[in-house]
Protein backbone atom coordinates (compact mmCIF):
# COMPACT_ATOMS: atom_id res chain seq x y z
CA VAL A 1 1.14 1.15 -16.27
CA GLN A 2 0.00 -2.05 -14.62
CA LEU A 3 0.02 -2.58 -10.86
CA GLN A 4 -0.42 -6.06 -9.44
CA ALA A 5 -1.11 -6.26 -5.72
CA SER A 6 -0.88 -9.44 -3.71
CA GLY A 7 -0.38 -10.75 -0.20
CA GLY A 8 -3.75 -10.20 1.42
CA GLY A 9 -5.42 -12.79 3.56
CA LEU A 10 -6.94 -13.65 6.90
CA VAL A 11 -4.92 -13.06 10.03
CA GLN A 12 -5.63 -12.85 13.74
CA ALA A 13 -5.32 -9.59 15.62
CA GLY A 14 -1.72 -8.97 16.54
CA GLY A 15 -0.46 -10.83 13.52
CA SER A 16 1.44 -9.66 10.45
CA LEU A 17 1.06 -9.64 6.70
CA ARG A 18 3.19 -8.29 3.87
CA LEU A 19 1.57 -6.89 0.80
CA SER A 20 3.39 -6.57 -2.50
CA CYS A 21 2.70 -4.40 -5.52
CA ALA A 22 4.56 -5.13 -8.73
CA ALA A 23 4.61 -2.39 -11.33
CA SER A 24 5.08 -2.95 -15.04
CA GLY A 25 4.93 -0.85 -18.14
CA ARG A 26 5.94 2.75 -17.76
CA THR A 27 6.80 3.11 -14.10
CA PHE A 28 7.84 6.76 -13.92
CA SER A 29 11.17 6.81 -12.11
CA LEU A 30 10.25 10.06 -10.39
CA GLY A 31 6.83 8.94 -9.27
CA VAL A 32 5.45 8.00 -5.90
CA MET A 33 3.99 4.64 -4.96
CA GLY A 34 1.32 4.42 -2.34
CA TRP A 35 -1.04 2.12 -0.51
CA PHE A 36 -4.65 2.96 0.18
CA ARG A 37 -7.42 0.97 1.80
CA GLN A 38 -11.17 0.86 1.77
CA ALA A 39 -13.19 -0.74 4.53
CA PRO A 40 -16.83 -1.74 4.00
CA GLY A 41 -19.06 1.32 4.00
CA ARG A 42 -16.16 3.74 4.18
CA GLU A 43 -14.24 5.99 1.84
CA ARG A 44 -10.92 4.91 0.41
CA GLU A 45 -8.15 6.29 2.61
CA PHE A 46 -4.45 6.85 2.35
CA VAL A 47 -2.18 4.42 4.20
CA ALA A 48 1.43 4.97 3.16
CA ALA A 49 3.61 6.25 0.33
CA ILE A 50 7.20 6.13 -0.86
CA PRO A 51 8.96 7.82 -3.78
CA TRP A 52 10.64 5.53 -6.31
CA SER A 53 13.72 7.73 -6.08
CA GLY A 54 14.08 7.37 -2.33
CA GLY A 55 13.71 9.87 0.43
CA ARG A 56 11.18 10.05 3.18
CA THR A 57 8.20 7.81 3.60
CA TYR A 58 4.69 8.89 4.53
CA TYR A 59 2.16 7.21 6.78
CA ALA A 60 -1.38 7.80 7.94
CA ASP A 61 -1.61 8.28 11.68
CA PRO A 62 -3.54 5.04 12.37
CA VAL A 63 -0.73 2.91 10.96
CA LYS A 64 2.35 4.78 12.15
CA GLY A 65 4.69 2.54 14.08
CA ARG A 66 2.94 -0.62 12.83
CA PHE A 67 3.21 -0.51 9.04
CA THR A 68 6.36 -0.07 6.97
CA ILE A 69 6.46 0.75 3.28
CA SER A 70 9.54 -0.14 1.27
CA ARG A 71 10.55 -0.57 -2.34
CA ASP A 72 12.81 -2.71 -4.51
CA ASN A 73 13.59 -0.68 -7.60
CA ALA A 74 15.28 -3.61 -9.32
CA LYS A 75 12.02 -5.54 -9.12
CA ASN A 76 9.73 -2.51 -9.58
CA THR A 77 7.96 -3.68 -6.47
CA VAL A 78 6.68 -1.90 -3.40
CA TYR A 79 5.91 -3.65 -0.15
CA LEU A 80 3.73 -2.89 2.84
CA GLN A 81 4.78 -4.75 5.96
CA MET A 82 1.87 -4.71 8.38
CA ASN A 83 2.53 -5.68 11.99
CA SER A 84 0.38 -5.65 15.11
CA LEU A 85 -2.70 -5.84 12.95
CA LYS A 86 -6.03 -4.79 14.41
CA PRO A 87 -9.58 -5.66 13.35
CA GLU A 88 -9.99 -2.06 12.20
CA ASP A 89 -7.26 -2.68 9.62
CA THR A 90 -9.68 -4.95 7.78
CA ALA A 91 -10.11 -3.53 4.29
CA VAL A 92 -9.36 -3.97 0.64
CA TYR A 93 -5.86 -2.60 0.11
CA TYR A 94 -4.97 -0.92 -3.16
CA CYS A 95 -1.62 0.16 -4.48
CA ALA A 96 -1.34 3.30 -6.55
CA LEU A 97 1.23 5.17 -8.61
CA ASP A 98 1.28 8.92 -8.98
CA PRO A 99 3.77 9.80 -11.72
CA TYR A 100 4.49 13.23 -10.34
CA SER A 101 3.81 13.78 -6.65
CA ILE A 102 2.39 12.46 -3.42
CA MET A 103 -0.92 14.17 -4.05
CA PHE A 104 -2.38 11.09 -5.81
CA LYS A 105 -4.90 13.26 -7.62
CA GLU A 106 -5.24 10.95 -10.62
CA PRO A 107 -3.06 7.94 -9.90
CA TYR A 108 -2.85 4.62 -11.60
CA TRP A 109 -4.57 2.00 -9.47
CA GLY A 110 -3.91 -1.66 -8.98
CA GLN A 111 -6.58 -4.18 -8.18
CA GLY A 112 -7.27 -4.58 -4.51
CA THR A 113 -6.17 -7.29 -2.16
CA LEU A 114 -8.37 -8.15 0.80
CA VAL A 115 -6.97 -8.08 4.32
CA THR A 116 -9.17 -9.48 7.05
CA VAL A 117 -8.12 -9.23 10.69
CA SER A 118 -10.10 -11.34 13.11
CA SER A 119 -10.44 -10.46 16.78
């Protein structure tokens, strides 16, 4: 499994960015794709998740109402639309694939993409 994340950059507070994560190789049709982030000096934290097969989406409280996760199964790509960005959203964002559940105990990780939100 290979996960290629892209779309990070520098944006002013209140702005928007859309991250993409393209999956290749064995993508596990029943798996769950997720986004995590890690800010400087902090632990990696969960942001959002979506099953490849559809169904409900999951969000961390700090991003609810501002971020939207979606998928395009035909392209094996998951997106994270980030609106109303805040300086505290600054982090390296990673996409991940758990082949079996939303627990993300031992997921496949993509490389990170840096999001910087200026105040």
